[in-house]
PDB file of N, CA and C in Angstrom:
ATOM      1  N   MET A   1       0.544  -1.199   0.051  1.00  0.00           N
ATOM      2  CA  MET A   1      -0.086  -0.175   0.116  1.00  0.00           C
ATOM      3  C   MET A   1       0.584   1.724   0.321  1.00  0.00           C
ATOM      4  N   ALA A   2       2.139   1.426   0.825  1.00  0.00           N
ATOM      5  CA  ALA A   2       2.848   2.730   0.979  1.00  0.00           C
ATOM      6  C   ALA A   2       3.255   2.737  -0.455  1.00  0.00           C
ATOM      7  N   MET A   3       4.096   1.685  -1.261  1.00  0.00           N
ATOM      8  CA  MET A   3       3.998   1.667  -2.220  1.00  0.00           C
ATOM      9  C   MET A   3       3.266   2.305  -3.352  1.00  0.00           C
ATOM     10  N   LEU A   4       2.199   1.726  -3.889  1.00  0.00           N
ATOM     11  CA  LEU A   4       0.513   2.570  -4.443  1.00  0.00           C
ATOM     12  C   LEU A   4       0.274   3.713  -4.026  1.00  0.00           C
ATOM     13  N   ARG A   5       0.829   4.094  -2.937  1.00  0.00           N
ATOM     14  CA  ARG A   5       0.588   5.179  -2.426  1.00  0.00           C
ATOM     15  C   ARG A   5       1.873   6.605  -2.959  1.00  0.00           C
ATOM     16  N   MET A   6       3.081   6.125  -2.987  1.00  0.00           N
ATOM     17  CA  MET A   6       3.786   6.942  -3.227  1.00  0.00           C
ATOM     18  C   MET A   6       3.259   7.009  -4.832  1.00  0.00           C
ATOM     19  N   LEU A   7       3.153   6.429  -6.236  1.00  0.00           N
ATOM     20  CA  LEU A   7       2.584   6.197  -7.349  1.00  0.00           C
ATOM     21  C   LEU A   7       1.907   7.084  -7.251  1.00  0.00           C
ATOM     22  N   GLY A   8       1.341   7.846  -5.878  1.00  0.00           N
ATOM     23  CA  GLY A   8       0.054   8.276  -6.377  1.00  0.00           C
ATOM     24  C   GLY A   8      -1.213   7.512  -6.136  1.00  0.00           C
ATOM     25  N   ARG A   9      -1.600   5.940  -6.526  1.00  0.00           N
ATOM     26  CA  ARG A   9      -2.343   5.165  -7.469  1.00  0.00           C
ATOM     27  C   ARG A   9      -3.371   5.947  -6.419  1.00  0.00           C
ATOM     28  N   ASP A  10      -4.822   5.300  -6.242  1.00  0.00           N
ATOM     29  CA  ASP A  10      -6.269   5.142  -5.043  1.00  0.00           C
ATOM     30  C   ASP A  10      -5.537   4.017  -4.388  1.00  0.00           C
ATOM     31  N   LEU A  11      -5.856   3.992  -3.346  1.00  0.00           N
ATOM     32  CA  LEU A  11      -6.697   2.214  -2.598  1.00  0.00           C
ATOM     33  C   LEU A  11      -7.550   2.395  -2.534  1.00  0.00           C
ATOM     34  N   HIS A  12      -8.050   1.021  -2.294  1.00  0.00           N
ATOM     35  CA  HIS A  12      -9.640   0.733  -1.790  1.00  0.00           C
ATOM     36  C   HIS A  12      -9.021  -0.082  -0.789  1.00  0.00           C
ATOM     37  N   SER A  13     -10.058   0.340   0.359  1.00  0.00           N
ATOM     38  CA  SER A  13     -10.170  -0.682   1.138  1.00  0.00           C
ATOM     39  C   SER A  13      -9.638  -1.962   1.834  1.00  0.00           C
ATOM     40  N   ASN A  14      -8.643  -1.924   2.326  1.00  0.00           N
ATOM     41  CA  ASN A  14      -7.981  -3.612   2.953  1.00  0.00           C
ATOM     42  C   ASN A  14      -9.307  -4.749   4.184  1.00  0.00           C
ATOM     43  N   TYR A  15      -8.690  -3.411   5.265  1.00  0.00           N
ATOM     44  CA  TYR A  15      -8.975  -4.146   5.795  1.00  0.00           C
ATOM     45  C   TYR A  15      -9.515  -3.418   7.208  1.00  0.00           C
ATOM     46  N   GLY A  16      -9.803  -1.867   6.469  1.00  0.00           N
ATOM     47  CA  GLY A  16     -10.593  -1.071   6.798  1.00  0.00           C
ATOM     48  C   GLY A  16     -10.627   0.352   5.991  1.00  0.00           C
ATOM     49  N   PRO A  17     -10.958   1.280   6.548  1.00  0.00           N
ATOM     50  CA  PRO A  17     -10.584   2.370   5.545  1.00  0.00           C
ATOM     51  C   PRO A  17      -9.434   2.942   4.801  1.00  0.00           C
ATOM     52  N   THR A  18      -9.234   3.827   4.227  1.00  0.00           N
ATOM     53  CA  THR A  18      -8.768   4.224   3.668  1.00  0.00           C
ATOM     54  C   THR A  18      -8.315   5.958   3.621  1.00  0.00           C
ATOM     55  N   ALA A  19      -7.088   6.396   3.054  1.00  0.00           N
ATOM     56  CA  ALA A  19      -7.642   7.753   2.567  1.00  0.00           C
ATOM     57  C   ALA A  19      -8.375   8.599   1.869  1.00  0.00           C
ATOM     58  N   ASP A  20      -8.623   7.283   0.680  1.00  0.00           N
ATOM     59  CA  ASP A  20      -9.171   7.754  -1.075  1.00  0.00           C
ATOM     60  C   ASP A  20     -11.233   7.327  -0.652  1.00  0.00           C
ATOM     61  N   THR A  21     -10.548   6.017   0.719  1.00  0.00           N
ATOM     62  CA  THR A  21     -12.692   5.796   1.436  1.00  0.00           C
ATOM     63  C   THR A  21     -13.091   7.040   2.073  1.00  0.00           C
ATOM     64  N   GLY A  22     -12.512   8.099   2.029  1.00  0.00           N
ATOM     65  CA  GLY A  22     -13.283   9.141   3.311  1.00  0.00           C
ATOM     66  C   GLY A  22     -12.321   8.833   4.248  1.00  0.00           C
ATOM     67  N   GLY A  23     -11.081   8.906   4.838  1.00  0.00           N
ATOM     68  CA  GLY A  23     -10.321   8.871   6.054  1.00  0.00           C
ATOM     69  C   GLY A  23     -10.672   7.989   6.637  1.00  0.00           C
ATOM     70  N   LEU A  24     -10.574   8.374   8.715  1.00  0.00           N
ATOM     71  CA  LEU A  24     -10.417   7.133   9.088  1.00  0.00           C
ATOM     72  C   LEU A  24     -11.685   6.289   9.865  1.00  0.00           C
ATOM     73  N   MET A  25     -11.256   4.680  11.082  1.00  0.00           N
ATOM     74  CA  MET A  25     -12.936   5.082  11.404  1.00  0.00           C
ATOM     75  C   MET A  25     -12.776   6.282  12.019  1.00  0.00           C
ATOM     76  N   GLN A  26     -13.152   6.421  13.011  1.00  0.00           N
ATOM     77  CA  GLN A  26     -13.302   7.465  13.938  1.00  0.00           C
ATOM     78  C   GLN A  26     -14.048   8.602  13.478  1.00  0.00           C
ATOM     79  N   ASN A  27     -13.750   8.464  11.946  1.00  0.00           N
ATOM     80  CA  ASN A  27     -14.662   9.859  11.238  1.00  0.00           C
ATOM     81  C   ASN A  27     -15.725   8.686  10.660  1.00  0.00           C
ATOM     82  N   HIS A  28     -16.067   7.882  11.065  1.00  0.00           N
ATOM     83  CA  HIS A  28     -17.083   7.183  10.363  1.00  0.00           C
ATOM     84  C   HIS A  28     -16.486   7.092   7.995  1.00  0.00           C
ATOM     85  N   ALA A  29     -15.473   6.669   7.765  1.00  0.00           N
ATOM     86  CA  ALA A  29     -15.045   7.137   6.883  1.00  0.00           C
ATOM     87  C   ALA A  29     -15.870   5.634   5.750  1.00  0.00           C
ATOM     88  N   PRO A  30     -16.430   5.285   5.334  1.00  0.00           N
ATOM     89  CA  PRO A  30     -16.849   3.569   4.476  1.00  0.00           C
ATOM     90  C   PRO A  30     -16.143   2.335   4.642  1.00  0.00           C
ATOM     91  N   THR A  31     -16.165   1.865   4.463  1.00  0.00           N
ATOM     92  CA  THR A  31     -14.833   0.756   3.850  1.00  0.00           C
ATOM     93  C   THR A  31     -15.513   0.037   1.939  1.00  0.00           C
ATOM     94  N   ILE A  32     -14.685   0.578   1.325  1.00  0.00           N
ATOM     95  CA  ILE A  32     -15.269  -0.306   0.523  1.00  0.00           C
ATOM     96  C   ILE A  32     -13.326  -0.306  -1.251  1.00  0.00           C
ATOM     97  N   TYR A  33     -14.332  -1.341  -1.079  1.00  0.00           N
ATOM     98  CA  TYR A  33     -13.487  -2.994  -2.028  1.00  0.00           C
ATOM     99  C   TYR A  33     -13.932  -2.343  -3.062  1.00  0.00           C
ATOM    100  N   ALA A  34     -12.568  -3.106  -3.552  1.00  0.00           N
ATOM    101  CA  ALA A  34     -12.441  -2.341  -5.273  1.00  0.00           C
ATOM    102  C   ALA A  34     -13.579  -3.502  -5.708  1.00  0.00           C
ATOM    103  N   TYR A  35     -13.426  -5.311  -5.613  1.00  0.00           N
ATOM    104  CA  TYR A  35     -14.410  -5.263  -6.490  1.00  0.00           C
ATOM    105  C   TYR A  35     -16.039  -5.783  -4.922  1.00  0.00           C
ATOM    106  N   PRO A  36     -17.077  -6.792  -5.129  1.00  0.00           N
ATOM    107  CA  PRO A  36     -17.661  -7.573  -4.441  1.00  0.00           C
ATOM    108  C   PRO A  36     -17.738  -8.305  -4.083  1.00  0.00           C
ATOM    109  N   SER A  37     -17.596  -8.619  -4.720  1.00  0.00           N
ATOM    110  CA  SER A  37     -17.111 -10.054  -4.451  1.00  0.00           C
ATOM    111  C   SER A  37     -15.888 -11.160  -5.010  1.00  0.00           C
ATOM    112  N   LEU A  38     -14.916 -12.401  -4.575  1.00  0.00           N
ATOM    113  CA  LEU A  38     -14.056 -12.998  -5.878  1.00  0.00           C
ATOM    114  C   LEU A  38     -13.982 -13.206  -6.943  1.00  0.00           C
ATOM    115  N   ASP A  39     -15.422 -12.902  -7.774  1.00  0.00           N
ATOM    116  CA  ASP A  39     -16.033 -13.400  -9.088  1.00  0.00           C
ATOM    117  C   ASP A  39     -15.605 -12.509  -9.393  1.00  0.00           C
ATOM    118  N   ALA A  40     -16.263 -11.645  -8.952  1.00  0.00           N
ATOM    119  CA  ALA A  40     -16.084 -10.145  -9.606  1.00  0.00           C
ATOM    120  C   ALA A  40     -15.511  -9.704  -9.612  1.00  0.00           C
ATOM    121  N   LEU A  41     -13.910  -9.952  -8.602  1.00  0.00           N
ATOM    122  CA  LEU A  41     -12.591  -9.886  -9.126  1.00  0.00           C
ATOM    123  C   LEU A  41     -11.787 -10.258 -10.018  1.00  0.00           C
ATOM    124  N   LEU A  42     -11.769 -11.439 -10.486  1.00  0.00           N
ATOM    125  CA  LEU A  42     -11.367 -11.961 -11.491  1.00  0.00           C
ATOM    126  C   LEU A  42     -11.932 -12.073 -12.634  1.00  0.00           C
ATOM    127  N   GLN A  43     -13.106 -11.475 -12.665  1.00  0.00           N
ATOM    128  CA  GLN A  43     -14.001 -11.171 -13.705  1.00  0.00           C
ATOM    129  C   GLN A  43     -13.339  -9.427 -14.398  1.00  0.00           C
ATOM    130  N   GLY A  44     -14.094  -8.618 -13.460  1.00  0.00           N
ATOM    131  CA  GLY A  44     -12.808  -7.577 -13.616  1.00  0.00           C
ATOM    132  C   GLY A  44     -11.555  -7.345 -14.156  1.00  0.00           C
ATOM    133  N   GLU A  45     -10.746  -7.972 -13.188  1.00  0.00           N
ATOM    134  CA  GLU A  45      -9.381  -7.617 -13.549  1.00  0.00           C
ATOM    135  C   GLU A  45      -9.073  -8.358 -15.183  1.00  0.00           C
ATOM    136  N   ALA A  46     -10.335 -10.149 -15.463  1.00  0.00           N
ATOM    137  CA  ALA A  46      -9.721  -9.802 -16.824  1.00  0.00           C
ATOM    138  C   ALA A  46     -10.003  -8.934 -18.189  1.00  0.00           C
ATOM    139  N   THR A  47     -10.958  -8.020 -17.367  1.00  0.00           N
ATOM    140  CA  THR A  47     -11.470  -7.219 -18.800  1.00  0.00           C
ATOM    141  C   THR A  47     -10.299  -5.560 -18.301  1.00  0.00           C
ATOM    142  N   GLY A  48      -9.352  -5.971 -17.278  1.00  0.00           N
ATOM    143  CA  GLY A  48      -9.179  -4.605 -17.838  1.00  0.00           C
ATOM    144  C   GLY A  48      -9.196  -4.002 -16.215  1.00  0.00           C
ATOM    145  N   GLY A  49      -9.113  -3.907 -15.003  1.00  0.00           N
ATOM    146  CA  GLY A  49      -9.655  -4.114 -13.882  1.00  0.00           C
ATOM    147  C   GLY A  49     -10.738  -2.325 -13.575  1.00  0.00           C
ATOM    148  N   ALA A  50     -12.384  -3.099 -13.816  1.00  0.00           N
ATOM    149  CA  ALA A  50     -12.954  -2.256 -13.573  1.00  0.00           C
ATOM    150  C   ALA A  50     -13.833  -2.700 -11.971  1.00  0.00           C
ATOM    151  N   LYS A  51     -12.892  -1.506 -11.436  1.00  0.00           N
ATOM    152  CA  LYS A  51     -12.815  -1.111  -9.906  1.00  0.00           C
ATOM    153  C   LYS A  51     -14.371  -0.211  -9.276  1.00  0.00           C
ATOM    154  N   ALA A  52     -14.480  -0.450  -8.166  1.00  0.00           N
ATOM    155  CA  ALA A  52     -15.420   0.345  -7.607  1.00  0.00           C
ATOM    156  C   ALA A  52     -14.464   1.980  -7.109  1.00  0.00           C
ATOM    157  N   SER A  53     -15.384   3.396  -8.340  1.00  0.00           N
ATOM    158  CA  SER A  53     -15.419   4.128  -7.878  1.00  0.00           C
ATOM    159  C   SER A  53     -15.036   4.349  -6.065  1.00  0.00           C
ATOM    160  N   LEU A  54     -14.178   5.674  -5.863  1.00  0.00           N
ATOM    161  CA  LEU A  54     -13.552   5.899  -4.301  1.00  0.00           C
ATOM    162  C   LEU A  54     -13.381   7.313  -4.404  1.00  0.00           C
ATOM    163  N   PRO A  55     -14.845   7.663  -3.128  1.00  0.00           N
ATOM    164  CA  PRO A  55     -15.026   9.161  -2.897  1.00  0.00           C
ATOM    165  C   PRO A  55     -13.592  10.130  -2.921  1.00  0.00           C
ATOM    166  N   GLY A  56     -13.387   9.699  -2.796  1.00  0.00           N
ATOM    167  CA  GLY A  56     -12.036  10.666  -2.308  1.00  0.00           C
ATOM    168  C   GLY A  56     -11.173  10.881  -0.487  1.00  0.00           C
ATOM    169  N   SER A  57     -11.070  11.883  -0.122  1.00  0.00           N
ATOM    170  CA  SER A  57     -10.725  12.010   1.516  1.00  0.00           C
ATOM    171  C   SER A  57     -11.815  12.895   1.900  1.00  0.00           C
ATOM    172  N   GLY A  58     -12.765  13.985   1.361  1.00  0.00           N
ATOM    173  CA  GLY A  58     -13.562  14.959   1.716  1.00  0.00           C
ATOM    174  C   GLY A  58     -13.109  15.805   2.430  1.00  0.00           C
ATOM    175  N   GLY A  59     -11.625  16.439   1.819  1.00  0.00           N
ATOM    176  CA  GLY A  59     -11.365  17.599   1.425  1.00  0.00           C
ATOM    177  C   GLY A  59     -10.047  17.435   3.283  1.00  0.00           C
ATOM    178  N   LYS A  60     -10.674  16.406   4.068  1.00  0.00           N
ATOM    179  CA  LYS A  60      -9.908  16.136   5.363  1.00  0.00           C
ATOM    180  C   LYS A  60      -7.914  15.689   5.106  1.00  0.00           C
ATOM    181  N   PRO A  61      -6.903  15.531   5.785  1.00  0.00           N
ATOM    182  CA  PRO A  61      -6.048  15.605   5.756  1.00  0.00           C
ATOM    183  C   PRO A  61      -5.694  14.187   5.509  1.00  0.00           C
ATOM    184  N   VAL A  62      -4.903  13.124   5.085  1.00  0.00           N
ATOM    185  CA  VAL A  62      -4.432  12.005   4.124  1.00  0.00           C
ATOM    186  C   VAL A  62      -3.478  12.535   5.131  1.00  0.00           C
ATOM    187  N   THR A  63      -4.027  11.531   6.311  1.00  0.00           N
ATOM    188  CA  THR A  63      -2.861  10.974   7.821  1.00  0.00           C
ATOM    189  C   THR A  63      -3.765  10.942   9.199  1.00  0.00           C
ATOM    190  N   GLU A  64      -2.996   9.452   9.309  1.00  0.00           N
ATOM    191  CA  GLU A  64      -3.461   8.984  10.668  1.00  0.00           C
ATOM    192  C   GLU A  64      -2.921   9.518  12.105  1.00  0.00           C
ATOM    193  N   ARG A  65      -2.463  10.755  11.433  1.00  0.00           N
ATOM    194  CA  ARG A  65      -2.708  11.689  13.472  1.00  0.00           C
ATOM    195  C   ARG A  65      -3.093  12.238  12.992  1.00  0.00           C
ATOM    196  N   PRO A  66      -4.142  13.052  14.808  1.00  0.00           N
ATOM    197  CA  PRO A  66      -4.739  13.704  14.214  1.00  0.00           C
ATOM    198  C   PRO A  66      -3.827  15.280  14.305  1.00  0.00           C
ATOM    199  N   ALA A  67      -5.189  16.474  13.430  1.00  0.00           N
ATOM    200  CA  ALA A  67      -4.590  17.291  13.353  1.00  0.00           C
ATOM    201  C   ALA A  67      -3.901  18.427  14.671  1.00  0.00           C
TER     202      ALA A  67
END
């Protein structure tokens, strides 16, 4: 995930919310997975990667530390 972030890629949730899905859990950010199921993942990646869209940080800083 750190490498993808350094490359400027959007990160879907893996174990919980990310900065790209709205921030931290305490801010009630949603968990958004790239695909809803394993079948959808296999089919989506076979056709070029039709992942779920991400809402972004909602204007909050991309950090896990309180301001």
